[in-house]
Amino acid sequence: MPSAGRFPEESVQEALERALRNAKHLKSVHAPAIAVMRSLAWKLDNWDTLAEIAIRESEEFGCKPRVPQNDNVTAATFLKYCAALGLTFDQASAEPRPKSEPQTKPARPSNKIVQFRQRA
C-alpha cells in the first residue's frame, strides 16, 4: 500500500489497529469497547460489499434489501467510541484561533424610533 507520510492510505480496521498499538493508556477493562470498535471498523470497510449483496439478493428473490443502501450511523458511532477511549485528538490542546478585535464603534440604531429616543 502506498505511504502518505505519517498517515498512510489504509482501511479503517488497519487504522484502528495502529491506533490501538500506540494507545498505551488502554487496559483490559476497555476490551469490550475495543471489540465493538473492531466490529464497526469491519462494517465500515465492507459496507459497499454488504449493500451490493443485499441488493442483488433482493432483486433475485423479489423482496426488500436486508440492509439499507446508506449507513449514516456506523461512522458516527465508531468515532464516539474512539473519543470515549481517548483515540481522537484532544481539542483543548489544539492551537486556539486568534481572537478578533471587538468593534469599537457602536451599531447604528435599528429604526427611527430608537434614533429619536437616543437624541432626546
PDB file of N, CA and C in Angstrom:
ATOM      1  N   MET A   1       0.843  -1.176   0.000  1.00  0.00           N
ATOM      2  CA  MET A   1       0.000   0.000   0.000  1.00  0.00           C
ATOM      3  C   MET A   1       0.892   1.245   0.000  1.00  0.00           C
ATOM      4  N   PRO A   2       0.620   2.236  -0.856  1.00  0.00           N
ATOM      5  CA  PRO A   2       1.469   3.419  -0.890  1.00  0.00           C
ATOM      6  C   PRO A   2       1.351   4.216   0.397  1.00  0.00           C
ATOM      7  N   SER A   3       2.474   4.765   0.808  1.00  0.00           N
ATOM      8  CA  SER A   3       2.502   5.525   2.053  1.00  0.00           C
ATOM      9  C   SER A   3       2.353   7.007   1.769  1.00  0.00           C
ATOM     10  N   ALA A   4       1.655   7.682   2.643  1.00  0.00           N
ATOM     11  CA  ALA A   4       1.496   9.132   2.539  1.00  0.00           C
ATOM     12  C   ALA A   4       2.056   9.756   3.812  1.00  0.00           C
ATOM     13  N   GLY A   5       3.312   9.453   4.122  1.00  0.00           N
ATOM     14  CA  GLY A   5       3.924  10.001   5.324  1.00  0.00           C
ATOM     15  C   GLY A   5       3.403   9.313   6.573  1.00  0.00           C
ATOM     16  N   ARG A   6       3.061  10.131   7.566  1.00  0.00           N
ATOM     17  CA  ARG A   6       2.575   9.581   8.837  1.00  0.00           C
ATOM     18  C   ARG A   6       1.181   8.979   8.723  1.00  0.00           C
ATOM     19  N   PHE A   7       0.453   9.348   7.678  1.00  0.00           N
ATOM     20  CA  PHE A   7      -0.921   8.884   7.523  1.00  0.00           C
ATOM     21  C   PHE A   7      -1.067   8.106   6.221  1.00  0.00           C
ATOM     22  N   PRO A   8      -0.632   6.848   6.225  1.00  0.00           N
ATOM     23  CA  PRO A   8      -0.738   6.051   5.005  1.00  0.00           C
ATOM     24  C   PRO A   8      -2.195   5.767   4.674  1.00  0.00           C
ATOM     25  N   GLU A   9      -2.442   5.500   3.401  1.00  0.00           N
ATOM     26  CA  GLU A   9      -3.789   5.112   2.993  1.00  0.00           C
ATOM     27  C   GLU A   9      -4.016   3.694   3.496  1.00  0.00           C
ATOM     28  N   GLU A  10      -5.022   3.544   4.344  1.00  0.00           N
ATOM     29  CA  GLU A  10      -5.277   2.245   4.946  1.00  0.00           C
ATOM     30  C   GLU A  10      -6.757   2.094   5.252  1.00  0.00           C
ATOM     31  N   SER A  11      -7.158   0.879   5.516  1.00  0.00           N
ATOM     32  CA  SER A  11      -8.556   0.624   5.854  1.00  0.00           C
ATOM     33  C   SER A  11      -8.840   1.143   7.262  1.00  0.00           C
ATOM     34  N   VAL A  12     -10.109   1.218   7.596  1.00  0.00           N
ATOM     35  CA  VAL A  12     -10.486   1.644   8.948  1.00  0.00           C
ATOM     36  C   VAL A  12      -9.952   0.633   9.958  1.00  0.00           C
ATOM     37  N   GLN A  13     -10.029  -0.652   9.610  1.00  0.00           N
ATOM     38  CA  GLN A  13      -9.514  -1.686  10.507  1.00  0.00           C
ATOM     39  C   GLN A  13      -8.019  -1.518  10.756  1.00  0.00           C
ATOM     40  N   GLU A  14      -7.262  -1.266   9.701  1.00  0.00           N
ATOM     41  CA  GLU A  14      -5.814  -1.082   9.849  1.00  0.00           C
ATOM     42  C   GLU A  14      -5.504   0.162  10.670  1.00  0.00           C
ATOM     43  N   ALA A  15      -6.231   1.238  10.426  1.00  0.00           N
ATOM     44  CA  ALA A  15      -6.014   2.474  11.184  1.00  0.00           C
ATOM     45  C   ALA A  15      -6.346   2.271  12.658  1.00  0.00           C
ATOM     46  N   LEU A  16      -7.417   1.539  12.924  1.00  0.00           N
ATOM     47  CA  LEU A  16      -7.791   1.259  14.313  1.00  0.00           C
ATOM     48  C   LEU A  16      -6.707   0.446  15.010  1.00  0.00           C
ATOM     49  N   GLU A  17      -6.229  -0.600  14.364  1.00  0.00           N
ATOM     50  CA  GLU A  17      -5.194  -1.438  14.984  1.00  0.00           C
ATOM     51  C   GLU A  17      -3.922  -0.633  15.244  1.00  0.00           C
ATOM     52  N   ARG A  18      -3.571   0.255  14.325  1.00  0.00           N
ATOM     53  CA  ARG A  18      -2.390   1.101  14.534  1.00  0.00           C
ATOM     54  C   ARG A  18      -2.610   2.027  15.725  1.00  0.00           C
ATOM     55  N   ALA A  19      -3.810   2.615  15.818  1.00  0.00           N
ATOM     56  CA  ALA A  19      -4.127   3.497  16.944  1.00  0.00           C
ATOM     57  C   ALA A  19      -4.098   2.725  18.261  1.00  0.00           C
ATOM     58  N   LEU A  20      -4.610   1.503  18.253  1.00  0.00           N
ATOM     59  CA  LEU A  20      -4.612   0.692  19.477  1.00  0.00           C
ATOM     60  C   LEU A  20      -3.192   0.327  19.904  1.00  0.00           C
ATOM     61  N   ARG A  21      -2.323   0.030  18.934  1.00  0.00           N
ATOM     62  CA  ARG A  21      -0.921  -0.278  19.266  1.00  0.00           C
ATOM     63  C   ARG A  21      -0.245   0.912  19.938  1.00  0.00           C
ATOM     64  N   ASN A  22      -0.607   2.114  19.521  1.00  0.00           N
ATOM     65  CA  ASN A  22       0.024   3.319  20.059  1.00  0.00           C
ATOM     66  C   ASN A  22      -0.663   3.859  21.308  1.00  0.00           C
ATOM     67  N   ALA A  23      -1.795   3.307  21.689  1.00  0.00           N
ATOM     68  CA  ALA A  23      -2.561   3.801  22.844  1.00  0.00           C
ATOM     69  C   ALA A  23      -2.124   3.048  24.095  1.00  0.00           C
ATOM     70  N   LYS A  24      -1.122   3.561  24.754  1.00  0.00           N
ATOM     71  CA  LYS A  24      -0.567   2.895  25.942  1.00  0.00           C
ATOM     72  C   LYS A  24      -1.488   3.015  27.154  1.00  0.00           C
ATOM     73  N   HIS A  25      -2.459   3.903  27.107  1.00  0.00           N
ATOM     74  CA  HIS A  25      -3.347   4.121  28.253  1.00  0.00           C
ATOM     75  C   HIS A  25      -4.480   3.100  28.344  1.00  0.00           C
ATOM     76  N   LEU A  26      -4.701   2.305  27.316  1.00  0.00           N
ATOM     77  CA  LEU A  26      -5.810   1.348  27.330  1.00  0.00           C
ATOM     78  C   LEU A  26      -5.451   0.113  28.153  1.00  0.00           C
ATOM     79  N   LYS A  27      -6.450  -0.388  28.879  1.00  0.00           N
ATOM     80  CA  LYS A  27      -6.274  -1.550  29.761  1.00  0.00           C
ATOM     81  C   LYS A  27      -7.281  -2.629  29.372  1.00  0.00           C
ATOM     82  N   SER A  28      -7.232  -3.754  30.054  1.00  0.00           N
ATOM     83  CA  SER A  28      -8.138  -4.861  29.746  1.00  0.00           C
ATOM     84  C   SER A  28      -9.597  -4.490  29.981  1.00  0.00           C
ATOM     85  N   VAL A  29      -9.863  -3.533  30.834  1.00  0.00           N
ATOM     86  CA  VAL A  29     -11.236  -3.099  31.079  1.00  0.00           C
ATOM     87  C   VAL A  29     -11.859  -2.487  29.818  1.00  0.00           C
ATOM     88  N   HIS A  30     -11.033  -2.052  28.887  1.00  0.00           N
ATOM     89  CA  HIS A  30     -11.509  -1.455  27.641  1.00  0.00           C
ATOM     90  C   HIS A  30     -11.788  -2.497  26.550  1.00  0.00           C
ATOM     91  N   ALA A  31     -11.524  -3.764  26.835  1.00  0.00           N
ATOM     92  CA  ALA A  31     -11.649  -4.816  25.817  1.00  0.00           C
ATOM     93  C   ALA A  31     -13.031  -4.896  25.171  1.00  0.00           C
ATOM     94  N   PRO A  32     -14.120  -4.812  25.921  1.00  0.00           N
ATOM     95  CA  PRO A  32     -15.433  -4.883  25.252  1.00  0.00           C
ATOM     96  C   PRO A  32     -15.650  -3.742  24.251  1.00  0.00           C
ATOM     97  N   ALA A  33     -15.270  -2.540  24.631  1.00  0.00           N
ATOM     98  CA  ALA A  33     -15.431  -1.400  23.719  1.00  0.00           C
ATOM     99  C   ALA A  33     -14.547  -1.576  22.490  1.00  0.00           C
ATOM    100  N   ILE A  34     -13.357  -2.108  22.684  1.00  0.00           N
ATOM    101  CA  ILE A  34     -12.453  -2.335  21.559  1.00  0.00           C
ATOM    102  C   ILE A  34     -13.027  -3.401  20.627  1.00  0.00           C
ATOM    103  N   ALA A  35     -13.659  -4.424  21.191  1.00  0.00           N
ATOM    104  CA  ALA A  35     -14.293  -5.454  20.358  1.00  0.00           C
ATOM    105  C   ALA A  35     -15.409  -4.850  19.508  1.00  0.00           C
ATOM    106  N   VAL A  36     -16.200  -3.966  20.103  1.00  0.00           N
ATOM    107  CA  VAL A  36     -17.264  -3.297  19.343  1.00  0.00           C
ATOM    108  C   VAL A  36     -16.649  -2.433  18.249  1.00  0.00           C
ATOM    109  N   MET A  37     -15.563  -1.722  18.572  1.00  0.00           N
ATOM    110  CA  MET A  37     -14.903  -0.871  17.578  1.00  0.00           C
ATOM    111  C   MET A  37     -14.386  -1.697  16.409  1.00  0.00           C
ATOM    112  N   ARG A  38     -13.828  -2.860  16.693  1.00  0.00           N
ATOM    113  CA  ARG A  38     -13.342  -3.719  15.610  1.00  0.00           C
ATOM    114  C   ARG A  38     -14.489  -4.163  14.713  1.00  0.00           C
ATOM    115  N   SER A  39     -15.619  -4.470  15.321  1.00  0.00           N
ATOM    116  CA  SER A  39     -16.791  -4.860  14.540  1.00  0.00           C
ATOM    117  C   SER A  39     -17.280  -3.701  13.670  1.00  0.00           C
ATOM    118  N   LEU A  40     -17.326  -2.505  14.238  1.00  0.00           N
ATOM    119  CA  LEU A  40     -17.747  -1.326  13.476  1.00  0.00           C
ATOM    120  C   LEU A  40     -16.759  -1.014  12.353  1.00  0.00           C
ATOM    121  N   ALA A  41     -15.463  -1.162  12.634  1.00  0.00           N
ATOM    122  CA  ALA A  41     -14.444  -0.911  11.608  1.00  0.00           C
ATOM    123  C   ALA A  41     -14.611  -1.884  10.444  1.00  0.00           C
ATOM    124  N   TRP A  42     -14.872  -3.158  10.757  1.00  0.00           N
ATOM    125  CA  TRP A  42     -15.096  -4.144   9.697  1.00  0.00           C
ATOM    126  C   TRP A  42     -16.312  -3.748   8.868  1.00  0.00           C
ATOM    127  N   LYS A  43     -17.391  -3.337   9.546  1.00  0.00           N
ATOM    128  CA  LYS A  43     -18.615  -2.945   8.840  1.00  0.00           C
ATOM    129  C   LYS A  43     -18.356  -1.745   7.938  1.00  0.00           C
ATOM    130  N   LEU A  44     -17.594  -0.763   8.424  1.00  0.00           N
ATOM    131  CA  LEU A  44     -17.278   0.414   7.607  1.00  0.00           C
ATOM    132  C   LEU A  44     -16.468   0.025   6.376  1.00  0.00           C
ATOM    133  N   ASP A  45     -15.491  -0.839   6.567  1.00  0.00           N
ATOM    134  CA  ASP A  45     -14.644  -1.258   5.446  1.00  0.00           C
ATOM    135  C   ASP A  45     -15.399  -2.100   4.419  1.00  0.00           C
ATOM    136  N   ASN A  46     -16.417  -2.832   4.860  1.00  0.00           N
ATOM    137  CA  ASN A  46     -17.109  -3.775   3.978  1.00  0.00           C
ATOM    138  C   ASN A  46     -18.518  -3.352   3.609  1.00  0.00           C
ATOM    139  N   TRP A  47     -18.901  -2.130   3.929  1.00  0.00           N
ATOM    140  CA  TRP A  47     -20.284  -1.704   3.719  1.00  0.00           C
ATOM    141  C   TRP A  47     -20.722  -1.816   2.260  1.00  0.00           C
ATOM    142  N   ASP A  48     -19.896  -1.357   1.337  1.00  0.00           N
ATOM    143  CA  ASP A  48     -20.291  -1.402  -0.080  1.00  0.00           C
ATOM    144  C   ASP A  48     -20.581  -2.830  -0.527  1.00  0.00           C
ATOM    145  N   THR A  49     -19.734  -3.748  -0.125  1.00  0.00           N
ATOM    146  CA  THR A  49     -19.930  -5.151  -0.487  1.00  0.00           C
ATOM    147  C   THR A  49     -21.211  -5.694   0.130  1.00  0.00           C
ATOM    148  N   LEU A  50     -21.445  -5.386   1.409  1.00  0.00           N
ATOM    149  CA  LEU A  50     -22.662  -5.856   2.081  1.00  0.00           C
ATOM    150  C   LEU A  50     -23.916  -5.317   1.398  1.00  0.00           C
ATOM    151  N   ALA A  51     -23.899  -4.043   1.050  1.00  0.00           N
ATOM    152  CA  ALA A  51     -25.063  -3.433   0.395  1.00  0.00           C
ATOM    153  C   ALA A  51     -25.293  -4.043  -0.984  1.00  0.00           C
ATOM    154  N   GLU A  52     -24.216  -4.262  -1.744  1.00  0.00           N
ATOM    155  CA  GLU A  52     -24.358  -4.866  -3.075  1.00  0.00           C
ATOM    156  C   GLU A  52     -24.950  -6.266  -2.999  1.00  0.00           C
ATOM    157  N   ILE A  53     -24.500  -7.063  -2.040  1.00  0.00           N
ATOM    158  CA  ILE A  53     -25.030  -8.418  -1.871  1.00  0.00           C
ATOM    159  C   ILE A  53     -26.509  -8.365  -1.510  1.00  0.00           C
ATOM    160  N   ALA A  54     -26.865  -7.478  -0.588  1.00  0.00           N
ATOM    161  CA  ALA A  54     -28.266  -7.360  -0.162  1.00  0.00           C
ATOM    162  C   ALA A  54     -29.163  -6.924  -1.315  1.00  0.00           C
ATOM    163  N   ILE A  55     -28.687  -5.994  -2.128  1.00  0.00           N
ATOM    164  CA  ILE A  55     -29.476  -5.528  -3.277  1.00  0.00           C
ATOM    165  C   ILE A  55     -29.637  -6.650  -4.299  1.00  0.00           C
ATOM    166  N   ARG A  56     -28.548  -7.359  -4.564  1.00  0.00           N
ATOM    167  CA  ARG A  56     -28.600  -8.474  -5.512  1.00  0.00           C
ATOM    168  C   ARG A  56     -29.577  -9.551  -5.032  1.00  0.00           C
ATOM    169  N   GLU A  57     -29.517  -9.887  -3.741  1.00  0.00           N
ATOM    170  CA  GLU A  57     -30.440 -10.888  -3.183  1.00  0.00           C
ATOM    171  C   GLU A  57     -31.886 -10.413  -3.267  1.00  0.00           C
ATOM    172  N   SER A  58     -32.112  -9.129  -2.998  1.00  0.00           N
ATOM    173  CA  SER A  58     -33.487  -8.611  -3.040  1.00  0.00           C
ATOM    174  C   SER A  58     -34.044  -8.665  -4.461  1.00  0.00           C
ATOM    175  N   GLU A  59     -33.197  -8.389  -5.445  1.00  0.00           N
ATOM    176  CA  GLU A  59     -33.641  -8.470  -6.840  1.00  0.00           C
ATOM    177  C   GLU A  59     -33.911  -9.919  -7.237  1.00  0.00           C
ATOM    178  N   GLU A  60     -33.058 -10.805  -6.756  1.00  0.00           N
ATOM    179  CA  GLU A  60     -33.192 -12.223  -7.091  1.00  0.00           C
ATOM    180  C   GLU A  60     -34.455 -12.834  -6.480  1.00  0.00           C
ATOM    181  N   PHE A  61     -34.758 -12.469  -5.236  1.00  0.00           N
ATOM    182  CA  PHE A  61     -35.900 -13.062  -4.530  1.00  0.00           C
ATOM    183  C   PHE A  61     -37.128 -12.162  -4.512  1.00  0.00           C
ATOM    184  N   GLY A  62     -37.036 -10.975  -5.110  1.00  0.00           N
ATOM    185  CA  GLY A  62     -38.174 -10.070  -5.173  1.00  0.00           C
ATOM    186  C   GLY A  62     -38.624  -9.545  -3.820  1.00  0.00           C
ATOM    187  N   CYS A  63     -37.669  -9.217  -2.980  1.00  0.00           N
ATOM    188  CA  CYS A  63     -38.015  -8.693  -1.653  1.00  0.00           C
ATOM    189  C   CYS A  63     -37.213  -7.419  -1.380  1.00  0.00           C
ATOM    190  N   LYS A  64     -37.466  -6.819  -0.248  1.00  0.00           N
ATOM    191  CA  LYS A  64     -36.763  -5.602   0.155  1.00  0.00           C
ATOM    192  C   LYS A  64     -35.347  -5.969   0.615  1.00  0.00           C
ATOM    193  N   PRO A  65     -34.335  -5.134   0.299  1.00  0.00           N
ATOM    194  CA  PRO A  65     -32.971  -5.436   0.762  1.00  0.00           C
ATOM    195  C   PRO A  65     -32.912  -5.537   2.289  1.00  0.00           C
ATOM    196  N   ARG A  66     -32.085  -6.442   2.772  1.00  0.00           N
ATOM    197  CA  ARG A  66     -31.964  -6.637   4.220  1.00  0.00           C
ATOM    198  C   ARG A  66     -31.154  -5.541   4.898  1.00  0.00           C
ATOM    199  N   VAL A  67     -30.432  -4.780   4.133  1.00  0.00           N
ATOM    200  CA  VAL A  67     -29.700  -3.635   4.693  1.00  0.00           C
ATOM    201  C   VAL A  67     -30.041  -2.402   3.859  1.00  0.00           C
ATOM    202  N   PRO A  68     -30.037  -1.231   4.467  1.00  0.00           N
ATOM    203  CA  PRO A  68     -30.297  -0.022   3.678  1.00  0.00           C
ATOM    204  C   PRO A  68     -29.124   0.268   2.746  1.00  0.00           C
ATOM    205  N   GLN A  69     -29.383   1.035   1.694  1.00  0.00           N
ATOM    206  CA  GLN A  69     -28.301   1.375   0.765  1.00  0.00           C
ATOM    207  C   GLN A  69     -27.301   2.328   1.409  1.00  0.00           C
ATOM    208  N   ASN A  70     -27.753   3.131   2.356  1.00  0.00           N
ATOM    209  CA  ASN A  70     -26.873   4.088   3.032  1.00  0.00           C
ATOM    210  C   ASN A  70     -26.796   3.737   4.511  1.00  0.00           C
ATOM    211  N   ASP A  71     -25.659   4.003   5.097  1.00  0.00           N
ATOM    212  CA  ASP A  71     -25.490   3.810   6.534  1.00  0.00           C
ATOM    213  C   ASP A  71     -24.943   5.111   7.092  1.00  0.00           C
ATOM    214  N   ASN A  72     -25.783   5.856   7.783  1.00  0.00           N
ATOM    215  CA  ASN A  72     -25.333   7.140   8.326  1.00  0.00           C
ATOM    216  C   ASN A  72     -25.161   7.074   9.836  1.00  0.00           C
ATOM    217  N   VAL A  73     -25.025   5.871  10.380  1.00  0.00           N
ATOM    218  CA  VAL A  73     -24.915   5.708  11.826  1.00  0.00           C
ATOM    219  C   VAL A  73     -23.566   5.116  12.237  1.00  0.00           C
ATOM    220  N   THR A  74     -23.068   4.166  11.471  1.00  0.00           N
ATOM    221  CA  THR A  74     -21.887   3.415  11.890  1.00  0.00           C
ATOM    222  C   THR A  74     -20.659   4.300  12.069  1.00  0.00           C
ATOM    223  N   ALA A  75     -20.399   5.196  11.136  1.00  0.00           N
ATOM    224  CA  ALA A  75     -19.206   6.050  11.246  1.00  0.00           C
ATOM    225  C   ALA A  75     -19.288   6.939  12.485  1.00  0.00           C
ATOM    226  N   ALA A  76     -20.451   7.528  12.734  1.00  0.00           N
ATOM    227  CA  ALA A  76     -20.612   8.388  13.910  1.00  0.00           C
ATOM    228  C   ALA A  76     -20.440   7.583  15.196  1.00  0.00           C
ATOM    229  N   THR A  77     -20.993   6.382  15.223  1.00  0.00           N
ATOM    230  CA  THR A  77     -20.857   5.522  16.402  1.00  0.00           C
ATOM    231  C   THR A  77     -19.399   5.145  16.614  1.00  0.00           C
ATOM    232  N   PHE A  78     -18.710   4.802  15.537  1.00  0.00           N
ATOM    233  CA  PHE A  78     -17.293   4.449  15.625  1.00  0.00           C
ATOM    234  C   PHE A  78     -16.486   5.609  16.208  1.00  0.00           C
ATOM    235  N   LEU A  79     -16.739   6.816  15.718  1.00  0.00           N
ATOM    236  CA  LEU A  79     -15.997   7.982  16.211  1.00  0.00           C
ATOM    237  C   LEU A  79     -16.317   8.275  17.675  1.00  0.00           C
ATOM    238  N   LYS A  80     -17.537   8.005  18.112  1.00  0.00           N
ATOM    239  CA  LYS A  80     -17.881   8.189  19.533  1.00  0.00           C
ATOM    240  C   LYS A  80     -17.103   7.205  20.402  1.00  0.00           C
ATOM    241  N   TYR A  81     -16.963   5.972  19.944  1.00  0.00           N
ATOM    242  CA  TYR A  81     -16.151   5.001  20.676  1.00  0.00           C
ATOM    243  C   TYR A  81     -14.693   5.460  20.718  1.00  0.00           C
ATOM    244  N   CYS A  82     -14.187   5.967  19.595  1.00  0.00           N
ATOM    245  CA  CYS A  82     -12.810   6.476  19.560  1.00  0.00           C
ATOM    246  C   CYS A  82     -12.622   7.577  20.596  1.00  0.00           C
ATOM    247  N   ALA A  83     -13.558   8.506  20.646  1.00  0.00           N
ATOM    248  CA  ALA A  83     -13.468   9.614  21.602  1.00  0.00           C
ATOM    249  C   ALA A  83     -13.541   9.093  23.031  1.00  0.00           C
ATOM    250  N   ALA A  84     -14.432   8.142  23.289  1.00  0.00           N
ATOM    251  CA  ALA A  84     -14.592   7.604  24.640  1.00  0.00           C
ATOM    252  C   ALA A  84     -13.324   6.910  25.123  1.00  0.00           C
ATOM    253  N   LEU A  85     -12.574   6.326  24.205  1.00  0.00           N
ATOM    254  CA  LEU A  85     -11.343   5.627  24.577  1.00  0.00           C
ATOM    255  C   LEU A  85     -10.099   6.493  24.427  1.00  0.00           C
ATOM    256  N   GLY A  86     -10.283   7.761  24.135  1.00  0.00           N
ATOM    257  CA  GLY A  86      -9.137   8.660  24.019  1.00  0.00           C
ATOM    258  C   GLY A  86      -8.312   8.431  22.772  1.00  0.00           C
ATOM    259  N   LEU A  87      -8.937   7.985  21.700  1.00  0.00           N
ATOM    260  CA  LEU A  87      -8.205   7.727  20.456  1.00  0.00           C
ATOM    261  C   LEU A  87      -8.358   8.848  19.440  1.00  0.00           C
ATOM    262  N   THR A  88      -8.963   9.942  19.848  1.00  0.00           N
ATOM    263  CA  THR A  88      -9.066  11.105  18.971  1.00  0.00           C
ATOM    264  C   THR A  88      -8.223  12.217  19.566  1.00  0.00           C
ATOM    265  N   PHE A  89      -7.946  13.222  18.761  1.00  0.00           N
ATOM    266  CA  PHE A  89      -7.113  14.312  19.238  1.00  0.00           C
ATOM    267  C   PHE A  89      -7.828  15.078  20.339  1.00  0.00           C
ATOM    268  N   ASP A  90      -7.035  15.688  21.194  1.00  0.00           N
ATOM    269  CA  ASP A  90      -7.573  16.494  22.292  1.00  0.00           C
ATOM    270  C   ASP A  90      -7.817  17.895  21.770  1.00  0.00           C
ATOM    271  N   GLN A  91      -9.064  18.307  21.697  1.00  0.00           N
ATOM    272  CA  GLN A  91      -9.383  19.621  21.154  1.00  0.00           C
ATOM    273  C   GLN A  91      -8.805  20.734  22.013  1.00  0.00           C
ATOM    274  N   ALA A  92      -8.651  20.489  23.294  1.00  0.00           N
ATOM    275  CA  ALA A  92      -8.106  21.521  24.175  1.00  0.00           C
ATOM    276  C   ALA A  92      -6.645  21.804  23.851  1.00  0.00           C
ATOM    277  N   SER A  93      -5.928  20.801  23.325  1.00  0.00           N
ATOM    278  CA  SER A  93      -4.517  21.005  23.022  1.00  0.00           C
ATOM    279  C   SER A  93      -4.293  21.599  21.636  1.00  0.00           C
ATOM    280  N   ALA A  94      -5.333  21.676  20.842  1.00  0.00           N
ATOM    281  CA  ALA A  94      -5.196  22.282  19.519  1.00  0.00           C
ATOM    282  C   ALA A  94      -4.939  23.774  19.681  1.00  0.00           C
ATOM    283  N   GLU A  95      -4.240  24.339  18.709  1.00  0.00           N
ATOM    284  CA  GLU A  95      -3.932  25.766  18.794  1.00  0.00           C
ATOM    285  C   GLU A  95      -5.213  26.586  18.749  1.00  0.00           C
ATOM    286  N   PRO A  96      -5.354  27.524  19.686  1.00  0.00           N
ATOM    287  CA  PRO A  96      -6.565  28.356  19.667  1.00  0.00           C
ATOM    288  C   PRO A  96      -6.530  29.349  18.514  1.00  0.00           C
ATOM    289  N   ARG A  97      -7.701  29.696  18.046  1.00  0.00           N
ATOM    290  CA  ARG A  97      -7.796  30.705  16.995  1.00  0.00           C
ATOM    291  C   ARG A  97      -7.489  32.072  17.597  1.00  0.00           C
ATOM    292  N   PRO A  98      -6.868  32.949  16.817  1.00  0.00           N
ATOM    293  CA  PRO A  98      -6.642  34.295  17.345  1.00  0.00           C
ATOM    294  C   PRO A  98      -7.981  34.999  17.540  1.00  0.00           C
ATOM    295  N   LYS A  99      -8.088  35.709  18.657  1.00  0.00           N
ATOM    296  CA  LYS A  99      -9.333  36.413  18.945  1.00  0.00           C
ATOM    297  C   LYS A  99      -9.435  37.650  18.068  1.00  0.00           C
ATOM    298  N   SER A 100     -10.622  37.879  17.557  1.00  0.00           N
ATOM    299  CA  SER A 100     -10.832  39.069  16.739  1.00  0.00           C
ATOM    300  C   SER A 100     -11.029  40.264  17.661  1.00  0.00           C
ATOM    301  N   GLU A 101     -10.596  41.405  17.186  1.00  0.00           N
ATOM    302  CA  GLU A 101     -10.731  42.632  17.968  1.00  0.00           C
ATOM    303  C   GLU A 101     -12.201  43.037  18.041  1.00  0.00           C
ATOM    304  N   PRO A 102     -12.656  43.450  19.215  1.00  0.00           N
ATOM    305  CA  PRO A 102     -14.050  43.901  19.310  1.00  0.00           C
ATOM    306  C   PRO A 102     -14.240  45.207  18.559  1.00  0.00           C
ATOM    307  N   GLN A 103     -15.434  45.384  18.040  1.00  0.00           N
ATOM    308  CA  GLN A 103     -15.731  46.619  17.326  1.00  0.00           C
ATOM    309  C   GLN A 103     -15.833  47.756  18.336  1.00  0.00           C
ATOM    310  N   THR A 104     -15.159  48.859  18.030  1.00  0.00           N
ATOM    311  CA  THR A 104     -15.179  49.997  18.954  1.00  0.00           C
ATOM    312  C   THR A 104     -16.317  50.948  18.640  1.00  0.00           C
ATOM    313  N   LYS A 105     -16.846  50.877  17.450  1.00  0.00           N
ATOM    314  CA  LYS A 105     -17.906  51.776  17.036  1.00  0.00           C
ATOM    315  C   LYS A 105     -19.259  51.107  17.300  1.00  0.00           C
ATOM    316  N   PRO A 106     -20.169  51.769  18.028  1.00  0.00           N
ATOM    317  CA  PRO A 106     -21.466  51.154  18.289  1.00  0.00           C
ATOM    318  C   PRO A 106     -22.287  51.038  17.006  1.00  0.00           C
ATOM    319  N   ALA A 107     -23.142  50.051  16.988  1.00  0.00           N
ATOM    320  CA  ALA A 107     -24.002  49.846  15.827  1.00  0.00           C
ATOM    321  C   ALA A 107     -25.038  50.956  15.738  1.00  0.00           C
ATOM    322  N   ARG A 108     -25.445  51.263  14.521  1.00  0.00           N
ATOM    323  CA  ARG A 108     -26.476  52.284  14.322  1.00  0.00           C
ATOM    324  C   ARG A 108     -27.802  51.777  14.852  1.00  0.00           C
ATOM    325  N   PRO A 109     -28.651  52.668  15.341  1.00  0.00           N
ATOM    326  CA  PRO A 109     -29.973  52.242  15.800  1.00  0.00           C
ATOM    327  C   PRO A 109     -30.734  51.571  14.660  1.00  0.00           C
ATOM    328  N   SER A 110     -31.543  50.593  15.023  1.00  0.00           N
ATOM    329  CA  SER A 110     -32.215  49.789  14.012  1.00  0.00           C
ATOM    330  C   SER A 110     -33.427  50.459  13.381  1.00  0.00           C
ATOM    331  N   ASN A 111     -34.011  51.444  14.050  1.00  0.00           N
ATOM    332  CA  ASN A 111     -35.167  52.116  13.448  1.00  0.00           C
ATOM    333  C   ASN A 111     -35.239  53.574  13.910  1.00  0.00           C
ATOM    334  N   LYS A 112     -36.150  54.331  13.341  1.00  0.00           N
ATOM    335  CA  LYS A 112     -36.238  55.772  13.614  1.00  0.00           C
ATOM    336  C   LYS A 112     -36.690  56.070  15.038  1.00  0.00           C
ATOM    337  N   ILE A 113     -37.512  55.221  15.613  1.00  0.00           N
ATOM    338  CA  ILE A 113     -37.972  55.459  16.991  1.00  0.00           C
ATOM    339  C   ILE A 113     -36.791  55.375  17.946  1.00  0.00           C
ATOM    340  N   VAL A 114     -35.939  54.380  17.771  1.00  0.00           N
ATOM    341  CA  VAL A 114     -34.764  54.241  18.629  1.00  0.00           C
ATOM    342  C   VAL A 114     -33.836  55.432  18.423  1.00  0.00           C
ATOM    343  N   GLN A 115     -33.660  55.876  17.181  1.00  0.00           N
ATOM    344  CA  GLN A 115     -32.823  57.046  16.911  1.00  0.00           C
ATOM    345  C   GLN A 115     -33.369  58.274  17.632  1.00  0.00           C
ATOM    346  N   PHE A 116     -34.672  58.477  17.587  1.00  0.00           N
ATOM    347  CA  PHE A 116     -35.301  59.623  18.232  1.00  0.00           C
ATOM    348  C   PHE A 116     -35.077  59.572  19.741  1.00  0.00           C
ATOM    349  N   ARG A 117     -35.251  58.411  20.344  1.00  0.00           N
ATOM    350  CA  ARG A 117     -35.073  58.271  21.798  1.00  0.00           C
ATOM    351  C   ARG A 117     -33.631  58.547  22.201  1.00  0.00           C
ATOM    352  N   GLN A 118     -32.685  58.153  21.381  1.00  0.00           N
ATOM    353  CA  GLN A 118     -31.283  58.384  21.720  1.00  0.00           C
ATOM    354  C   GLN A 118     -30.930  59.865  21.646  1.00  0.00           C
ATOM    355  N   ARG A 119     -31.578  60.615  20.764  1.00  0.00           N
ATOM    356  CA  ARG A 119     -31.301  62.051  20.646  1.00  0.00           C
ATOM    357  C   ARG A 119     -31.980  62.829  21.761  1.00  0.00           C
ATOM    358  N   ALA A 120     -33.063  62.333  22.316  1.00  0.00           N
ATOM    359  CA  ALA A 120     -33.842  63.072  23.314  1.00  0.00           C
ATOM    360  C   ALA A 120     -33.174  63.096  24.652  1.00  0.00           C
TER     361      ALA A 120
END
